Protein backbone atom coordinates (compact mmCIF):
# COMPACT_ATOMS: atom_id res chain seq x y z
CA MET A 1 82.62 106.10 119.01
CA ASP A 2 86.14 106.29 117.60
CA LYS A 3 87.06 105.49 113.99
CA VAL A 4 88.44 102.03 114.65
CA GLU A 5 85.39 100.91 116.62
CA ARG A 6 83.09 102.39 113.95
CA VAL A 7 84.75 100.29 111.22
CA TYR A 8 84.88 97.20 113.43
CA ARG A 9 81.15 97.48 114.11
CA ALA A 10 80.45 97.61 110.37
CA LEU A 11 82.72 94.63 109.73
CA SER A 12 80.87 92.76 112.50
CA LEU A 13 77.61 93.49 110.61
CA GLU A 14 76.36 95.74 113.40
CA GLU A 15 75.19 99.34 113.34
CA PRO A 16 77.82 101.83 114.53
CA ASP A 17 76.98 105.45 115.37
CA LYS A 18 77.28 106.40 111.69
CA VAL A 19 78.28 104.87 108.37
CA PRO A 20 82.09 104.49 108.24
CA LYS A 21 83.77 105.93 105.17
CA GLY A 22 87.16 106.06 103.51
CA GLU A 23 89.30 105.28 100.49
CA LEU A 24 91.98 102.76 99.59
CA ASP A 25 93.94 105.55 97.89
CA PHE A 26 93.71 109.32 97.52
CA HIS A 27 95.55 111.02 94.66
CA GLY A 28 97.90 113.88 95.49
CA GLU A 29 96.47 116.19 92.81
CA LEU A 30 93.00 115.93 94.35
CA ILE A 31 94.42 116.45 97.83
CA SER A 32 96.18 119.60 96.62
CA ALA A 33 92.94 120.89 95.06
CA LEU A 34 90.98 120.21 98.25
CA LEU A 35 93.54 121.90 100.48
CA GLY A 36 94.09 124.80 98.07
CA GLU A 37 97.86 124.43 98.27
CA PRO A 38 100.63 122.19 96.91
CA VAL A 39 101.24 118.93 98.73
CA GLY A 40 104.32 119.61 100.83
CA ASP A 41 104.68 116.95 103.49
CA TRP A 42 102.89 113.91 102.04
CA PHE A 43 101.78 112.49 105.40
CA ASP A 44 100.48 115.77 106.82
CA ALA A 45 98.59 116.56 103.61
CA HIS A 46 96.89 113.15 103.66
CA VAL A 47 95.90 113.54 107.31
CA LYS A 48 94.48 117.02 106.63
CA ALA A 49 92.51 116.00 103.56
CA ARG A 50 91.11 112.84 105.17
CA ASN A 51 90.04 114.82 108.22
CA MET A 52 88.49 117.48 105.98
CA LEU A 53 86.30 114.80 104.40
CA LYS A 54 85.70 113.12 107.78
CA MET A 55 87.12 109.79 106.64
CA ASP A 56 87.58 106.93 109.08
CA ILE A 57 90.03 104.82 107.06
CA VAL A 58 93.52 104.92 105.61
CA ASN A 59 95.00 102.09 103.54
CA THR A 60 98.71 101.34 103.92
CA PHE A 61 101.35 99.11 102.36
CA LEU A 62 104.59 97.29 103.03
CA SER A 63 107.70 99.45 102.58
CA GLY A 64 111.14 98.58 101.21
CA GLY A 65 111.89 95.52 99.12
CA PRO A 66 114.29 94.77 96.28
CA LYS A 67 115.25 97.72 94.13
CA VAL A 68 113.81 98.30 90.67
CA GLU A 69 116.55 99.21 88.21
CA LEU A 70 116.51 101.68 85.34
CA VAL A 71 118.03 99.63 82.50
CA GLY A 72 117.50 101.86 79.47
CA ARG A 73 115.21 104.17 77.52
CA THR A 74 113.03 103.81 74.44
CA ASP A 75 113.57 105.79 71.23
CA LYS A 76 111.00 108.28 72.57
CA GLY A 77 112.87 108.64 75.85
CA TYR A 78 110.55 106.60 78.09
CA PRO A 79 112.37 104.76 80.88
CA ILE A 80 112.75 100.99 80.80
CA TYR A 81 112.78 99.28 84.21
CA GLN A 82 113.59 95.79 85.44
CA ASP A 83 112.59 94.24 88.77
CA TRP A 84 114.06 91.50 90.96
CA VAL A 85 112.25 88.67 89.16
CA GLY A 86 113.29 89.80 85.68
CA ASN A 87 110.14 91.59 84.53
CA ARG A 88 111.07 94.40 82.16
CA TRP A 89 108.68 97.19 81.19
CA VAL A 90 108.33 100.67 79.68
CA GLU A 91 106.82 103.35 81.90
CA SER A 92 105.14 106.30 80.20
CA GLY A 93 103.94 107.99 83.39
CA LYS A 94 100.36 106.90 82.70
CA THR A 95 100.71 103.35 81.38
CA ARG A 96 103.03 100.37 81.77
CA ARG A 97 103.92 98.10 78.84
CA TYR A 98 105.76 94.87 79.55
CA LEU A 99 108.67 93.96 77.29
CA LYS A 100 109.35 90.61 78.96
CA HIS A 101 108.23 88.60 81.96
CA GLY A 102 110.59 87.04 84.45
CA LEU A 103 108.79 83.68 84.58
CA ALA A 104 108.62 82.82 80.89
CA THR A 105 108.88 79.01 81.12
CA PRO A 106 107.77 76.24 83.50
CA GLU A 107 111.45 75.81 84.44
CA ASP A 108 111.59 79.47 85.51
CA MET A 109 108.51 78.89 87.64
CA LYS A 110 109.92 75.81 89.34
CA GLN A 111 113.01 77.78 90.42
CA PHE A 112 111.06 80.85 91.61
CA ARG A 113 111.64 82.17 95.13
CA MET A 114 110.20 85.24 96.78
CA PRO A 115 112.66 87.81 98.21
CA ASP A 116 113.64 87.65 101.85
CA ILE A 117 111.07 89.27 104.14
CA SER A 118 113.90 91.10 105.95
CA LEU A 119 114.19 93.45 102.94
CA PHE A 120 110.78 94.92 103.84
CA ASN A 121 109.47 97.00 106.73
CA THR A 122 106.24 98.40 108.15
CA SER A 123 107.42 101.91 109.02
CA GLY A 124 104.58 103.59 107.11
CA ILE A 125 101.92 101.51 108.84
CA GLU A 126 103.40 102.17 112.26
CA ARG A 127 103.35 105.92 111.63
CA TRP A 128 99.64 105.93 110.79
CA VAL A 129 98.86 103.77 113.83
CA LYS A 130 100.88 105.84 116.29
CA GLN A 131 100.25 109.37 115.01
CA THR A 132 96.61 109.31 113.88
CA ASP A 133 93.23 107.97 114.98
CA PHE A 134 92.32 106.42 111.61
CA CYS A 135 91.36 102.79 111.23
CA VAL A 136 94.48 101.50 109.49
CA PHE A 137 93.99 98.99 106.70
CA ALA A 138 97.18 97.16 105.69
CA GLN A 139 97.15 95.79 102.14
CA VAL A 140 98.70 92.47 101.21
CA PRO A 141 98.50 90.92 97.70
CA GLY A 142 96.41 87.89 96.91
CA VAL A 143 97.67 85.02 94.77
CA PHE A 144 96.10 85.85 91.42
CA ASP A 145 96.88 89.37 90.27
CA SER A 146 100.24 89.36 92.03
CA VAL A 147 101.19 86.08 90.31
CA TYR A 148 100.09 86.44 86.69
CA PRO A 149 102.12 89.67 86.11
CA LEU A 150 105.24 87.59 86.80
CA MET A 151 104.53 85.56 83.67
CA GLY A 152 101.79 87.39 81.76
CA LEU A 153 98.11 86.48 81.86
CA GLU A 154 98.17 84.45 78.64
CA ASN A 155 101.10 82.38 79.90
CA TYR A 156 99.42 81.99 83.31
CA VAL A 157 96.31 80.49 81.69
CA LYS A 158 98.36 78.26 79.39
CA THR A 159 100.49 77.00 82.28
CA MET A 160 97.37 76.39 84.37
CA TYR A 161 96.42 73.70 81.84
CA THR A 162 99.82 72.39 80.73
CA HIS A 163 102.06 72.65 83.82
CA PRO A 164 99.80 73.10 86.86
CA ALA A 165 102.46 71.95 89.33
CA ALA A 166 104.89 74.64 88.13
CA LEU A 167 102.22 77.32 88.48
CA LYS A 168 101.24 76.03 91.91
CA HIS A 169 104.84 76.32 93.05
CA VAL A 170 104.79 80.05 92.25
CA VAL A 171 101.41 80.49 93.93
CA GLU A 172 102.60 78.72 97.07
CA GLU A 173 105.79 80.80 97.23
CA VAL A 174 103.76 84.01 97.02
CA TYR A 175 101.26 82.66 99.56
CA ARG A 176 103.98 81.74 102.07
CA PHE A 177 105.42 85.25 101.76
CA ASN A 178 101.99 86.86 102.16
CA LEU A 179 101.39 85.01 105.43
CA GLU A 180 104.64 86.49 106.75
CA VAL A 181 103.54 89.95 105.63
CA ILE A 182 100.22 89.63 107.48
CA LYS A 183 102.15 88.72 110.64
CA LEU A 184 104.32 91.83 110.22
CA TYR A 185 101.18 93.95 109.78
CA ALA A 186 99.66 92.61 112.98
CA GLU A 187 102.87 93.31 114.88
CA ALA A 188 102.87 96.87 113.49
CA GLY A 189 99.41 97.49 114.95
CA ALA A 190 97.28 97.48 111.78
CA HIS A 191 93.55 97.25 112.45
CA VAL A 192 92.31 95.50 109.28
CA ILE A 193 94.03 93.24 106.74
CA LEU A 194 93.04 94.11 103.16
CA VAL A 195 93.82 91.39 100.63
CA GLY A 196 94.07 93.05 97.22
CA ASP A 197 93.42 90.62 94.39
CA ASP A 198 91.63 91.68 91.20
CA LEU A 199 89.84 88.47 90.23
CA ALA A 200 87.54 89.82 87.54
CA TYR A 201 87.10 92.27 84.71
CA ASP A 202 83.87 93.99 83.65
CA LYS A 203 82.31 90.82 82.20
CA GLY A 204 83.22 88.40 84.98
CA PRO A 205 86.13 86.36 86.40
CA PHE A 206 89.46 86.33 84.53
CA ILE A 207 89.60 82.53 84.72
CA PRO A 208 86.76 80.01 85.16
CA PRO A 209 85.56 79.79 88.78
CA ARG A 210 86.45 76.07 88.95
CA TYR A 211 90.10 77.03 88.39
CA MET A 212 89.80 79.89 90.88
CA ARG A 213 88.78 77.22 93.39
CA GLU A 214 92.01 75.31 92.72
CA PHE A 215 94.62 78.03 92.19
CA VAL A 216 93.22 81.02 94.08
CA PHE A 217 90.54 80.56 96.73
CA PRO A 218 92.31 78.04 98.99
CA TYR A 219 95.14 80.54 99.38
CA LEU A 220 92.86 83.55 99.83
CA ALA A 221 91.11 81.55 102.55
CA GLY A 222 94.50 80.96 104.16
CA GLU A 223 95.26 84.69 104.16
CA ALA A 224 91.89 85.47 105.75
CA SER A 225 92.51 82.73 108.32
CA GLN A 226 95.96 84.12 109.14
CA ALA A 227 94.43 87.54 109.80
CA HIS A 228 91.80 85.99 112.06
CA ARG A 229 94.41 83.96 113.97
CA LEU A 230 96.15 87.25 114.71
CA GLY A 231 92.92 88.87 115.90
CA LEU A 232 92.27 91.03 112.82
CA PRO A 233 89.35 91.21 110.38
CA ALA A 234 90.06 90.50 106.72
CA MET A 235 88.59 92.33 103.73
CA LEU A 236 89.01 91.39 100.07
CA HIS A 237 89.39 94.00 97.34
CA SER A 238 88.61 93.01 93.77
CA ASP A 239 87.60 95.15 90.84
CA GLY A 240 85.35 93.85 88.07
CA ASN A 241 82.16 91.80 88.09
CA VAL A 242 82.72 89.53 91.08
CA THR A 243 79.04 88.54 91.34
CA PRO A 244 79.72 84.91 90.28
CA LEU A 245 82.45 84.70 92.96
CA VAL A 246 80.71 86.18 96.00
CA GLU A 247 79.75 82.80 97.44
CA ASP A 248 83.39 81.68 97.16
CA ILE A 249 84.54 84.91 98.82
CA VAL A 250 82.15 84.29 101.71
CA LYS A 251 83.27 80.66 102.03
CA ALA A 252 86.91 81.83 102.08
CA GLY A 253 86.10 83.57 105.36
CA PHE A 254 86.39 87.24 104.47
CA ASP A 255 84.59 89.71 106.71
CA GLY A 256 84.17 92.30 103.96
CA LEU A 257 84.32 92.90 100.22
CA HIS A 258 85.46 96.13 98.56
CA SER A 259 84.86 97.57 95.12
CA LEU A 260 81.45 96.21 94.07
CA GLN A 261 81.95 98.05 90.81
CA PRO A 262 78.57 99.25 89.48
CA ASN A 263 79.72 99.85 85.89
CA ALA A 264 80.85 96.19 85.82
CA GLY A 265 77.28 95.14 86.57
CA VAL A 266 77.58 94.56 90.33
CA ASP A 267 74.23 95.09 92.06
CA ILE A 268 75.12 95.98 95.63
CA VAL A 269 71.50 95.89 96.80
CA ALA A 270 71.07 92.32 95.53
CA ILE A 271 74.34 91.26 97.19
CA LYS A 272 73.25 92.93 100.44
CA ARG A 273 69.97 90.99 100.38
CA ARG A 274 71.70 87.67 99.67
CA TRP A 275 74.91 88.01 101.68
CA GLY A 276 74.36 90.93 104.07
CA ASP A 277 74.28 88.58 107.06
CA ARG A 278 77.73 87.22 106.16
CA LEU A 279 79.67 90.02 104.48
CA CYS A 280 80.30 93.73 105.08
CA LEU A 281 80.08 95.66 101.80
CA MET A 282 82.38 98.59 100.97
CA GLY A 283 82.35 100.75 97.86
CA ASN A 284 80.00 100.90 94.82
CA LEU A 285 80.27 104.63 94.05
CA ASP A 286 80.92 104.76 90.32
CA LEU A 287 84.14 106.29 88.97
CA ASP A 288 83.44 105.93 85.24
CA TYR A 289 80.83 108.67 85.19
CA LEU A 290 79.34 109.66 88.53
CA MET A 291 82.37 110.74 90.57
CA THR A 292 84.47 111.93 87.63
CA LEU A 293 81.99 113.49 85.20
CA GLY A 294 78.73 113.79 87.13
CA SER A 295 77.54 116.78 89.13
CA ALA A 296 77.70 117.23 92.89
CA VAL A 297 73.90 116.96 92.92
CA GLU A 298 74.08 113.55 91.23
CA VAL A 299 76.77 112.42 93.68
CA GLU A 300 74.66 113.49 96.65
CA ALA A 301 71.63 111.61 95.30
CA GLU A 302 73.61 108.38 94.83
CA VAL A 303 75.19 108.59 98.29
CA ARG A 304 71.73 109.05 99.82
CA ARG A 305 70.44 106.05 97.84
CA LEU A 306 73.26 103.80 99.06
CA ILE A 307 72.73 104.90 102.65
CA ARG A 308 68.99 104.30 102.31
CA GLU A 309 69.23 100.90 100.58
CA VAL A 310 72.47 99.33 101.85
CA ALA A 311 73.41 100.87 105.20
CA PRO A 312 70.38 99.88 107.38
CA GLY A 313 71.29 97.06 109.74
CA GLY A 314 75.00 97.85 109.48
CA GLY A 315 77.59 96.08 107.37
CA TYR A 316 78.28 98.96 104.96
CA ILE A 317 81.33 101.20 104.54
CA LEU A 318 81.00 104.12 102.13
CA SER A 319 83.72 104.35 99.48
CA THR A 320 84.22 104.74 95.77
CA CYS A 321 84.57 101.49 93.84
CA ASN A 322 88.33 102.00 93.67
CA CYS A 323 89.93 105.20 94.96
CA LEU A 324 89.70 108.98 94.80
CA THR A 325 91.58 109.53 91.55
CA ARG A 326 93.01 112.75 90.10
CA TYR A 327 89.97 112.87 87.79
CA VAL A 328 87.47 113.39 90.62
CA PRO A 329 86.51 117.09 90.88
CA PRO A 330 87.00 118.42 94.43
CA GLU A 331 83.33 119.41 94.66
CA ASN A 332 82.29 115.80 93.98
CA ALA A 333 84.60 114.43 96.67
CA ILE A 334 83.18 116.97 99.12
CA ALA A 335 79.59 116.18 98.10
CA MET A 336 80.19 112.46 98.56
CA TYR A 337 81.71 112.62 101.99
CA LEU A 338 79.73 115.44 103.55
CA THR A 339 76.46 113.96 102.32
CA ALA A 340 77.39 110.71 104.03
CA GLU A 341 78.29 112.61 107.19
CA LYS A 342 74.93 114.38 107.14
CA TYR A 343 72.63 111.45 106.32
CA GLY A 344 74.60 108.40 107.46
CA THR A 345 73.69 108.49 111.15
CA TYR A 346 72.21 105.44 112.89
CA PRO A 347 69.43 104.61 113.53
CA MET A 348 68.24 105.61 110.08
CA LYS A 349 65.03 105.59 108.14
CA THR A 350 64.70 103.06 105.34
CA SER A 351 62.43 105.20 103.16
């Protein structure tokens, strides 16, 4: 069974030959440590490292777009950037601090327009499709965490109550653009559409679910529907405690859900029992302690538990709850993936 079919079987809630596995991102420092050499050619290094860990998946993005300008420096020498919408921020290399947001007033929001789609391209996606055998995820934003950074979260929430029509205009502009992006991804040969939209933090949704159902979920459902119209499965990525939102995610039509962050209180076994006949689950390996600070023995034990408790019957893709960061020791990445390769073969025992 090839990698694409393996992932498709999982997304169809069937048992493939073995548990599919992969990451939404893979930091260059970890790749260099795994390969024992500096990352020269970025693409070749990623292919090598993913093959070393026997991954099935690569996650890709739209290329191009309006240029970000360097507009100054702070007293400490940190660069200050400005984007096409007027957001201005300080970049330290590790953190980003916004100085101003482009959509500061309801009037700004009413005049907002997304950039022309012709400024973007899918060259990176096409390369992965044509030159490798990975199942290629293509990531498109959702309409929550790609909208509130344009105005700031506090202003988003305030506008939601005081000027809902102005906020909806921004949401609908972003949504229209995202539908075009999904069409480009399908034409480029992507295998899965990944909608990336962080809807929650560790304690639960960023905004009350009833407002999610007005300003977010109808548009997420439209993105999932667009993927399906083009013959592609759709997966949603969201960090945080999404447990109160899983029913809405299922109703929106997504085939899969990624992150399932355990340190945010997400119980993947409970979600599997309740929604395993409707939703493929991907992720749940902890990055706060297990993958970053735990031992390889602890990693192996947790991978075996997930395979034992979540993988039977299909509908599970092994992954961390976000990505393989620079803070993951190489031995833990190896333990995670090679343990899954060893024990994740179907049919499998449930005890």
